[in-house]
Amino acid sequence: MQFDDGRGEFSDVIRARAPRGLRDQVKAVAAQKGMSSAELIRLAITSYIANTSEGGAASAGV
């Protein structure tokens, strides 16, 4: 049985600082791809981890 805390599938929060203008770039690219900014960022992070870690996607938790 899994515990449901009501926060959905992506309950962990990660915060990061970025250069000015990056948020707008992310929003624009996400809109072009038909996804949310959060989805684009999750995809970018998991892809980066999968491509740079030993063990690939298994270590990224995807």
N, C-alpha and C. Protein backbone atom coordinates (compact mmCIF):
# COMPACT_ATOMS: atom_id res chain seq x y z
N MET A 1 0.83 -1.18 0.00
CA MET A 1 0.00 0.00 0.00
C MET A 1 0.88 1.25 0.00
N GLN A 2 0.57 2.17 -0.89
CA GLN A 2 1.35 3.41 -0.97
C GLN A 2 0.67 4.50 -0.17
N PHE A 3 1.48 5.33 0.44
CA PHE A 3 0.97 6.47 1.18
C PHE A 3 0.66 7.61 0.22
N ASP A 4 -0.52 8.19 0.32
CA ASP A 4 -0.91 9.31 -0.54
C ASP A 4 -1.01 10.55 0.32
N ASP A 5 -0.07 11.47 0.14
CA ASP A 5 -0.09 12.70 0.94
C ASP A 5 -0.89 13.80 0.25
N GLY A 6 -1.53 13.49 -0.88
CA GLY A 6 -2.37 14.46 -1.57
C GLY A 6 -1.61 15.45 -2.44
N ARG A 7 -0.28 15.28 -2.52
CA ARG A 7 0.50 16.23 -3.32
C ARG A 7 0.79 15.72 -4.72
N GLY A 8 0.28 14.57 -5.06
CA GLY A 8 0.46 14.07 -6.41
C GLY A 8 1.77 13.34 -6.63
N GLU A 9 2.03 13.06 -7.89
CA GLU A 9 3.19 12.26 -8.27
C GLU A 9 4.51 13.00 -8.04
N PHE A 10 4.53 14.31 -8.18
CA PHE A 10 5.76 15.09 -8.06
C PHE A 10 5.67 15.97 -6.82
N SER A 11 5.90 15.38 -5.65
CA SER A 11 5.71 16.11 -4.41
C SER A 11 6.98 16.82 -3.92
N ASP A 12 8.15 16.42 -4.36
CA ASP A 12 9.38 17.10 -3.95
C ASP A 12 9.54 18.41 -4.70
N VAL A 13 10.05 19.41 -4.01
CA VAL A 13 10.27 20.72 -4.61
C VAL A 13 11.77 20.99 -4.67
N ILE A 14 12.23 21.44 -5.83
CA ILE A 14 13.64 21.83 -6.01
C ILE A 14 13.63 23.29 -6.43
N ARG A 15 14.42 24.11 -5.75
CA ARG A 15 14.51 25.53 -6.12
C ARG A 15 15.94 25.82 -6.54
N ALA A 16 16.07 26.68 -7.53
CA ALA A 16 17.40 27.05 -8.03
C ALA A 16 17.38 28.49 -8.52
N ARG A 17 18.51 29.14 -8.42
CA ARG A 17 18.67 30.49 -8.96
C ARG A 17 19.13 30.37 -10.40
N ALA A 18 18.71 31.31 -11.23
CA ALA A 18 19.07 31.30 -12.65
C ALA A 18 19.32 32.73 -13.11
N PRO A 19 20.08 32.87 -14.19
CA PRO A 19 20.32 34.21 -14.72
C PRO A 19 19.02 34.87 -15.18
N ARG A 20 18.99 36.18 -15.13
CA ARG A 20 17.82 36.92 -15.60
C ARG A 20 17.51 36.53 -17.04
N GLY A 21 16.25 36.36 -17.32
CA GLY A 21 15.82 36.03 -18.67
C GLY A 21 15.63 34.54 -18.92
N LEU A 22 16.26 33.69 -18.10
CA LEU A 22 16.14 32.25 -18.33
C LEU A 22 14.71 31.77 -18.11
N ARG A 23 14.03 32.32 -17.12
CA ARG A 23 12.64 31.92 -16.85
C ARG A 23 11.78 32.17 -18.09
N ASP A 24 11.96 33.33 -18.72
CA ASP A 24 11.18 33.64 -19.92
C ASP A 24 11.53 32.71 -21.07
N GLN A 25 12.79 32.35 -21.20
CA GLN A 25 13.21 31.40 -22.25
C GLN A 25 12.57 30.03 -22.01
N VAL A 26 12.57 29.59 -20.76
CA VAL A 26 11.97 28.30 -20.42
C VAL A 26 10.48 28.31 -20.73
N LYS A 27 9.80 29.39 -20.33
CA LYS A 27 8.36 29.51 -20.61
C LYS A 27 8.08 29.45 -22.10
N ALA A 28 8.90 30.15 -22.89
CA ALA A 28 8.69 30.20 -24.34
C ALA A 28 8.90 28.82 -24.98
N VAL A 29 9.96 28.13 -24.59
CA VAL A 29 10.24 26.81 -25.16
C VAL A 29 9.15 25.82 -24.74
N ALA A 30 8.76 25.88 -23.47
CA ALA A 30 7.71 24.98 -22.98
C ALA A 30 6.41 25.21 -23.76
N ALA A 31 6.06 26.47 -23.99
CA ALA A 31 4.85 26.78 -24.73
C ALA A 31 4.92 26.24 -26.15
N GLN A 32 6.08 26.35 -26.79
CA GLN A 32 6.26 25.83 -28.15
C GLN A 32 6.07 24.32 -28.18
N LYS A 33 6.50 23.65 -27.11
CA LYS A 33 6.42 22.19 -27.04
C LYS A 33 5.08 21.71 -26.49
N GLY A 34 4.23 22.66 -26.04
CA GLY A 34 2.92 22.28 -25.50
C GLY A 34 2.99 21.66 -24.13
N MET A 35 3.93 22.12 -23.31
CA MET A 35 4.06 21.58 -21.96
C MET A 35 4.26 22.72 -20.97
N SER A 36 4.18 22.40 -19.70
CA SER A 36 4.41 23.42 -18.68
C SER A 36 5.91 23.64 -18.49
N SER A 37 6.25 24.76 -17.88
CA SER A 37 7.66 25.04 -17.57
C SER A 37 8.21 23.96 -16.65
N ALA A 38 7.42 23.57 -15.66
CA ALA A 38 7.85 22.54 -14.70
C ALA A 38 8.15 21.23 -15.41
N GLU A 39 7.28 20.86 -16.37
CA GLU A 39 7.49 19.61 -17.11
C GLU A 39 8.77 19.68 -17.93
N LEU A 40 9.02 20.81 -18.57
CA LEU A 40 10.24 20.98 -19.36
C LEU A 40 11.48 20.88 -18.48
N ILE A 41 11.44 21.50 -17.31
CA ILE A 41 12.58 21.46 -16.39
C ILE A 41 12.81 20.05 -15.87
N ARG A 42 11.72 19.34 -15.49
CA ARG A 42 11.87 17.94 -15.05
C ARG A 42 12.49 17.09 -16.15
N LEU A 43 12.02 17.26 -17.37
CA LEU A 43 12.55 16.51 -18.50
C LEU A 43 14.04 16.81 -18.71
N ALA A 44 14.41 18.08 -18.65
CA ALA A 44 15.80 18.48 -18.85
C ALA A 44 16.70 17.89 -17.76
N ILE A 45 16.25 17.94 -16.52
CA ILE A 45 17.07 17.42 -15.41
C ILE A 45 17.21 15.91 -15.50
N THR A 46 16.10 15.21 -15.71
CA THR A 46 16.18 13.74 -15.78
C THR A 46 16.99 13.28 -16.99
N SER A 47 16.88 13.99 -18.11
CA SER A 47 17.68 13.65 -19.29
C SER A 47 19.16 13.87 -19.02
N TYR A 48 19.49 14.98 -18.38
CA TYR A 48 20.88 15.28 -18.06
C TYR A 48 21.46 14.20 -17.14
N ILE A 49 20.71 13.84 -16.11
CA ILE A 49 21.19 12.82 -15.18
C ILE A 49 21.35 11.48 -15.89
N ALA A 50 20.39 11.11 -16.70
CA ALA A 50 20.45 9.83 -17.41
C ALA A 50 21.64 9.78 -18.37
N ASN A 51 21.99 10.91 -18.96
CA ASN A 51 23.07 10.93 -19.94
C ASN A 51 24.45 11.14 -19.33
N THR A 52 24.52 11.50 -18.07
CA THR A 52 25.83 11.77 -17.47
C THR A 52 26.17 10.83 -16.32
N SER A 53 25.21 10.04 -15.85
CA SER A 53 25.45 9.16 -14.71
C SER A 53 25.79 7.76 -15.18
N GLU A 54 26.58 7.07 -14.36
CA GLU A 54 26.77 5.65 -14.61
C GLU A 54 25.44 4.97 -14.30
N GLY A 55 25.02 4.08 -15.12
CA GLY A 55 23.76 3.40 -14.91
C GLY A 55 22.60 4.06 -15.61
N GLY A 56 22.80 5.23 -16.17
CA GLY A 56 21.77 5.89 -16.98
C GLY A 56 20.49 6.18 -16.25
N ALA A 57 19.36 5.93 -16.90
CA ALA A 57 18.04 6.30 -16.40
C ALA A 57 17.72 5.62 -15.08
N ALA A 58 18.28 4.44 -14.84
CA ALA A 58 18.00 3.74 -13.58
C ALA A 58 18.46 4.58 -12.40
N SER A 59 19.62 5.25 -12.52
CA SER A 59 20.08 6.09 -11.42
C SER A 59 19.30 7.37 -11.31
N ALA A 60 18.66 7.81 -12.40
CA ALA A 60 17.90 9.05 -12.39
C ALA A 60 16.53 8.86 -11.77
N GLY A 61 16.14 7.63 -11.51
CA GLY A 61 14.84 7.38 -10.94
C GLY A 61 13.71 7.56 -11.92
N VAL A 62 13.99 7.41 -13.21
CA VAL A 62 12.95 7.54 -14.23
C VAL A 62 12.62 6.20 -14.81
